[in-house]
Amino acid sequence: MNKAKKILITGATSGVGLMLANNLHEAGHEVWATGRNSSVLKNLAENGIHTIEADLTVDQSFDSLFQDVGTPDTIIHCAGIGTFSYLLDMDEREMEKMLQVNVLAPMKLTKYFAEKMKLRGSGHFIFVASQAGKVATPKASVYAASKHAIIGFANAIRMELKEFGVVVTTINPGPIDTPFLDLADKTGNYRNSMRKHLLAPDKVVSSIERVIEKPVREVDLPSYMSFTSKLYALAPSIVETVGKKYFTKK
């Protein structure tokens, strides 16, 4: 590990965010964890991690919420939700919630801290996006749209903030073996059909840890997904035809 950093993690009470918070704390970083699960936050606090119980989708003053955090060296946007459902079957409230959590909350939080990082002249934003943000599939229309949005946002602010010494990274994983899948698809069919292709959460965490030390533009996980997304951009109809049997699994 290089110099210890002050790191803020959203969505730190489950899955990748939770594992990352514990790992980075053990590595000697000053970790600030946010989330809504009070019992998990209590456990993190007992282990010496700074915690903030917050629902970032609720309009509130970030000044009061993050006054003790100051200006982190690195902010990792891990919070995210999904609902895997055909558009015609989806509840509009679920659509709104996905856009609030996956898009608007990280955008607003980034703006708040980017102003502080600009004054300091350094900083690093890491967005845990998704391959769904590059290759959309049926039953993930709104989720994919939210990840398309956050990747586009990250690509734009990367250019805007570069002159101020602030770097931006997107982590674009395929499906990860975390509780997220069980919440997104309560039928369990998606997990069963993709079981052989699920990423172990520690693989994603390790990639983020490397990026903290050595920032890069983006990371596709697994690595072959980089080829798939580029092929999709060049020849989407071919990918959709070949991948149809995987895209339409229920």
Protein backbone atom coordinates (compact mmCIF):
# COMPACT_ATOMS: atom_id res chain seq x y z
CA MET A 1 0.00 0.00 0.00
CA ASN A 2 1.14 3.51 -0.80
CA LYS A 3 0.16 6.49 1.34
CA ALA A 4 -2.98 5.93 3.42
CA LYS A 5 -5.99 7.70 1.97
CA LYS A 6 -9.28 9.03 3.25
CA ILE A 7 -11.91 7.01 1.35
CA LEU A 8 -15.68 7.45 1.27
CA ILE A 9 -17.77 4.46 0.15
CA THR A 10 -21.48 4.55 -0.61
CA GLY A 11 -23.51 1.36 -0.43
CA ALA A 12 -21.07 0.03 2.15
CA THR A 13 -23.51 -2.19 4.04
CA SER A 14 -23.76 -5.01 1.52
CA GLY A 15 -21.91 -6.87 -1.22
CA VAL A 16 -18.87 -5.29 -2.81
CA GLY A 17 -19.15 -2.08 -0.77
CA LEU A 18 -19.11 -3.92 2.53
CA MET A 19 -16.17 -6.13 1.60
CA LEU A 20 -14.31 -3.13 0.26
CA ALA A 21 -14.86 -1.10 3.44
CA ASN A 22 -13.42 -3.88 5.61
CA ASN A 23 -10.47 -4.56 3.30
CA LEU A 24 -9.46 -0.92 2.96
CA HIS A 25 -9.74 -0.37 6.71
CA GLU A 26 -7.52 -3.39 7.35
CA ALA A 27 -5.04 -1.99 4.82
CA GLY A 28 -4.70 1.17 6.90
CA HIS A 29 -6.90 3.62 5.03
CA GLU A 30 -9.28 6.00 6.78
CA VAL A 31 -12.62 4.61 5.65
CA TRP A 32 -15.96 6.39 5.80
CA ALA A 33 -18.89 4.09 5.07
CA THR A 34 -22.40 5.19 4.18
CA GLY A 35 -25.55 3.10 3.91
CA ARG A 36 -29.02 2.54 5.29
CA ASN A 37 -28.55 -0.70 7.25
CA SER A 38 -28.01 0.50 10.82
CA SER A 39 -27.00 -2.89 12.21
CA VAL A 40 -24.25 -3.37 9.62
CA LEU A 41 -23.06 0.18 10.16
CA LYS A 42 -22.88 -0.49 13.87
CA ASN A 43 -20.65 -3.51 13.24
CA LEU A 44 -18.41 -1.47 10.96
CA ALA A 45 -18.14 1.27 13.59
CA GLU A 46 -17.18 -1.28 16.22
CA ASN A 47 -14.31 -2.30 13.95
CA GLY A 48 -13.06 1.28 13.76
CA ILE A 49 -14.65 2.40 10.49
CA HIS A 50 -16.33 5.81 10.37
CA THR A 51 -20.00 5.40 9.51
CA ILE A 52 -22.80 7.64 8.28
CA GLU A 53 -26.35 6.32 8.17
CA ALA A 54 -27.95 8.02 5.21
CA ASP A 55 -30.45 7.57 2.43
CA LEU A 56 -28.83 9.58 -0.35
CA THR A 57 -32.04 9.62 -2.38
CA VAL A 58 -33.70 11.91 0.17
CA ASP A 59 -33.22 15.64 -0.30
CA GLN A 60 -30.97 16.80 2.49
CA SER A 61 -28.03 19.05 3.21
CA PHE A 62 -24.79 17.35 2.25
CA ASP A 63 -22.96 20.04 4.25
CA SER A 64 -24.42 18.75 7.51
CA LEU A 65 -24.31 15.09 6.46
CA PHE A 66 -20.63 15.08 5.49
CA GLN A 67 -19.23 17.88 7.61
CA ASP A 68 -16.99 15.48 9.55
CA VAL A 69 -15.69 13.79 6.40
CA GLY A 70 -13.97 16.86 5.01
CA THR A 71 -12.59 16.17 1.53
CA PRO A 72 -11.86 12.50 0.83
CA ASP A 73 -8.98 11.47 -1.40
CA THR A 74 -11.16 8.84 -3.05
CA ILE A 75 -14.92 8.42 -3.35
CA ILE A 76 -16.26 5.02 -4.40
CA HIS A 77 -19.86 4.90 -5.59
CA CYS A 78 -20.97 1.34 -4.79
CA ALA A 79 -24.63 1.97 -3.96
CA GLY A 80 -26.97 0.55 -6.55
CA ILE A 81 -30.26 -1.28 -6.95
CA GLY A 82 -31.92 -3.14 -9.78
CA THR A 83 -35.17 -4.78 -10.79
CA PHE A 84 -35.01 -7.39 -13.53
CA SER A 85 -38.36 -7.26 -15.25
CA TYR A 86 -39.81 -6.68 -18.68
CA LEU A 87 -40.72 -3.04 -19.15
CA LEU A 88 -44.43 -3.75 -19.54
CA ASP A 89 -44.44 -5.60 -16.22
CA MET A 90 -42.45 -3.04 -14.25
CA ASP A 91 -43.86 -0.85 -11.52
CA GLU A 92 -43.16 2.81 -12.27
CA ARG A 93 -42.13 3.36 -8.66
CA GLU A 94 -39.35 0.81 -9.18
CA MET A 95 -38.23 2.73 -12.25
CA GLU A 96 -38.03 5.98 -10.30
CA LYS A 97 -36.18 4.35 -7.43
CA MET A 98 -33.52 2.90 -9.73
CA LEU A 99 -32.89 6.27 -11.32
CA GLN A 100 -32.73 7.96 -7.92
CA VAL A 101 -30.24 5.51 -6.40
CA ASN A 102 -28.16 4.64 -9.47
CA VAL A 103 -28.02 8.02 -11.20
CA LEU A 104 -29.19 11.13 -9.38
CA ALA A 105 -27.67 10.35 -5.96
CA PRO A 106 -24.13 9.71 -7.24
CA MET A 107 -24.36 12.72 -9.58
CA LYS A 108 -25.35 15.06 -6.75
CA LEU A 109 -22.76 13.61 -4.38
CA THR A 110 -20.06 13.91 -7.02
CA LYS A 111 -20.88 17.56 -7.66
CA TYR A 112 -20.73 18.28 -3.94
CA PHE A 113 -17.28 16.74 -3.44
CA ALA A 114 -15.88 17.76 -6.84
CA GLU A 115 -16.09 21.38 -5.75
CA LYS A 116 -13.98 20.57 -2.71
CA MET A 117 -11.49 18.47 -4.70
CA LYS A 118 -11.11 21.29 -7.22
CA LEU A 119 -10.02 23.66 -4.45
CA ARG A 120 -7.53 21.11 -3.13
CA GLY A 121 -6.25 20.19 -6.59
CA SER A 122 -6.63 16.42 -6.33
CA GLY A 123 -9.14 13.63 -5.94
CA HIS A 124 -10.44 10.39 -7.40
CA PHE A 125 -13.98 9.26 -8.16
CA ILE A 126 -14.63 5.57 -8.75
CA PHE A 127 -18.01 4.54 -10.11
CA VAL A 128 -19.04 0.88 -9.84
CA ALA A 129 -21.10 0.79 -13.03
CA SER A 130 -21.94 -2.38 -14.97
CA GLN A 131 -21.49 -4.14 -18.28
CA ALA A 132 -25.23 -3.51 -18.57
CA GLY A 133 -24.27 0.10 -19.16
CA LYS A 134 -22.49 -0.98 -22.33
CA VAL A 135 -24.59 -3.91 -23.53
CA ALA A 136 -28.29 -3.68 -22.67
CA THR A 137 -30.42 -6.81 -22.42
CA PRO A 138 -34.11 -7.63 -22.07
CA LYS A 139 -35.52 -7.55 -18.52
CA ALA A 140 -32.90 -4.96 -17.60
CA SER A 141 -34.05 -1.95 -19.62
CA VAL A 142 -34.26 0.61 -16.81
CA TYR A 143 -31.29 -0.81 -14.92
CA ALA A 144 -29.21 -0.71 -18.11
CA ALA A 145 -30.39 2.83 -18.78
CA SER A 146 -29.24 3.90 -15.32
CA LYS A 147 -25.80 2.41 -15.89
CA HIS A 148 -25.57 3.92 -19.39
CA ALA A 149 -26.28 7.25 -17.71
CA ILE A 150 -23.62 6.92 -15.03
CA ILE A 151 -20.97 5.80 -17.53
CA GLY A 152 -21.83 8.79 -19.73
CA PHE A 153 -21.69 11.07 -16.70
CA ALA A 154 -18.29 9.70 -15.68
CA ASN A 155 -16.91 10.06 -19.21
CA ALA A 156 -17.94 13.72 -19.32
CA ILE A 157 -16.72 14.78 -15.90
CA ARG A 158 -13.44 12.96 -16.49
CA MET A 159 -12.67 15.61 -19.10
CA GLU A 160 -14.14 18.46 -17.06
CA LEU A 161 -12.20 17.70 -13.86
CA LYS A 162 -8.85 16.64 -15.32
CA GLU A 163 -7.43 20.17 -15.23
CA PHE A 164 -8.09 20.30 -11.48
CA GLY A 165 -6.15 17.12 -10.74
CA VAL A 166 -9.28 15.01 -10.25
CA VAL A 167 -9.39 11.61 -11.95
CA VAL A 168 -12.43 9.45 -12.74
CA THR A 169 -12.65 5.66 -13.09
CA THR A 170 -15.52 3.37 -14.00
CA ILE A 171 -15.56 -0.26 -12.92
CA ASN A 172 -17.77 -2.23 -15.31
CA PRO A 173 -18.41 -5.73 -13.97
CA GLY A 174 -20.66 -8.44 -15.32
CA PRO A 175 -23.09 -10.05 -12.84
CA ILE A 176 -21.58 -10.44 -9.37
CA ASP A 177 -22.42 -13.16 -6.88
CA THR A 178 -23.90 -10.88 -4.22
CA PRO A 179 -27.32 -10.37 -2.58
CA PHE A 180 -28.00 -7.75 -5.27
CA LEU A 181 -29.07 -10.51 -7.67
CA ASP A 182 -31.57 -11.97 -5.21
CA LEU A 183 -33.17 -8.56 -4.71
CA ALA A 184 -33.20 -7.75 -8.43
CA ASP A 185 -34.71 -11.08 -9.48
CA LYS A 186 -36.81 -12.67 -6.77
CA THR A 187 -37.55 -15.69 -8.99
CA GLY A 188 -33.94 -16.86 -8.69
CA ASN A 189 -33.95 -17.76 -12.37
CA TYR A 190 -31.30 -15.23 -13.34
CA ARG A 191 -28.86 -16.50 -10.71
CA ASN A 192 -29.45 -20.09 -11.77
CA SER A 193 -29.04 -19.40 -15.48
CA MET A 194 -25.89 -17.29 -14.98
CA ARG A 195 -24.35 -19.34 -12.17
CA LYS A 196 -21.28 -20.33 -14.19
CA HIS A 197 -20.65 -16.74 -15.24
CA LEU A 198 -21.03 -14.91 -11.92
CA LEU A 199 -18.06 -12.89 -10.71
CA ALA A 200 -16.76 -13.54 -7.21
CA PRO A 201 -17.10 -10.29 -5.23
CA ASP A 202 -13.47 -10.43 -4.09
CA LYS A 203 -12.38 -10.19 -7.76
CA VAL A 204 -14.22 -6.91 -8.10
CA VAL A 205 -12.92 -5.64 -4.76
CA SER A 206 -9.33 -6.48 -5.74
CA SER A 207 -9.72 -4.56 -8.99
CA ILE A 208 -10.99 -1.50 -7.14
CA GLU A 209 -8.14 -1.71 -4.64
CA ARG A 210 -5.63 -1.71 -7.51
CA VAL A 211 -7.33 1.27 -9.12
CA ILE A 212 -7.15 3.24 -5.87
CA GLU A 213 -3.38 2.86 -5.93
CA LYS A 214 -2.99 3.25 -9.70
CA PRO A 215 -5.93 5.08 -11.32
CA VAL A 216 -7.02 4.10 -14.82
CA ARG A 217 -9.86 5.23 -17.05
CA GLU A 218 -11.99 2.09 -16.78
CA VAL A 219 -11.88 -1.58 -15.87
CA ASP A 220 -14.03 -4.24 -17.55
CA LEU A 221 -14.67 -7.42 -15.56
CA PRO A 222 -14.06 -10.10 -16.57
CA SER A 223 -11.48 -8.76 -18.99
CA TYR A 224 -13.03 -10.41 -22.05
CA MET A 225 -16.07 -8.18 -21.54
CA SER A 226 -13.99 -5.35 -22.96
CA PHE A 227 -13.97 -7.15 -26.32
CA THR A 228 -17.69 -7.92 -26.10
CA SER A 229 -18.67 -4.32 -25.44
CA LYS A 230 -16.44 -3.05 -28.25
CA LEU A 231 -17.92 -5.61 -30.62
CA TYR A 232 -21.40 -4.54 -29.57
CA ALA A 233 -20.57 -0.92 -30.34
CA LEU A 234 -19.37 -1.89 -33.81
CA ALA A 235 -21.90 -4.59 -34.69
CA PRO A 236 -24.82 -4.56 -32.25
CA SER A 237 -27.14 -6.70 -34.38
CA ILE A 238 -24.59 -9.53 -34.48
CA VAL A 239 -24.13 -9.53 -30.71
CA GLU A 240 -27.89 -9.39 -30.14
CA THR A 241 -28.45 -12.29 -32.54
CA VAL A 242 -25.69 -14.50 -31.15
CA GLY A 243 -26.49 -13.61 -27.55
CA LYS A 244 -30.24 -13.89 -27.82
CA LYS A 245 -30.45 -17.22 -25.98
CA TYR A 246 -28.61 -15.67 -23.03
CA PHE A 247 -30.40 -12.32 -23.14
CA THR A 248 -33.87 -13.82 -23.01
CA LYS A 249 -33.39 -16.35 -20.21
CA LYS A 250 -36.04 -16.02 -17.56
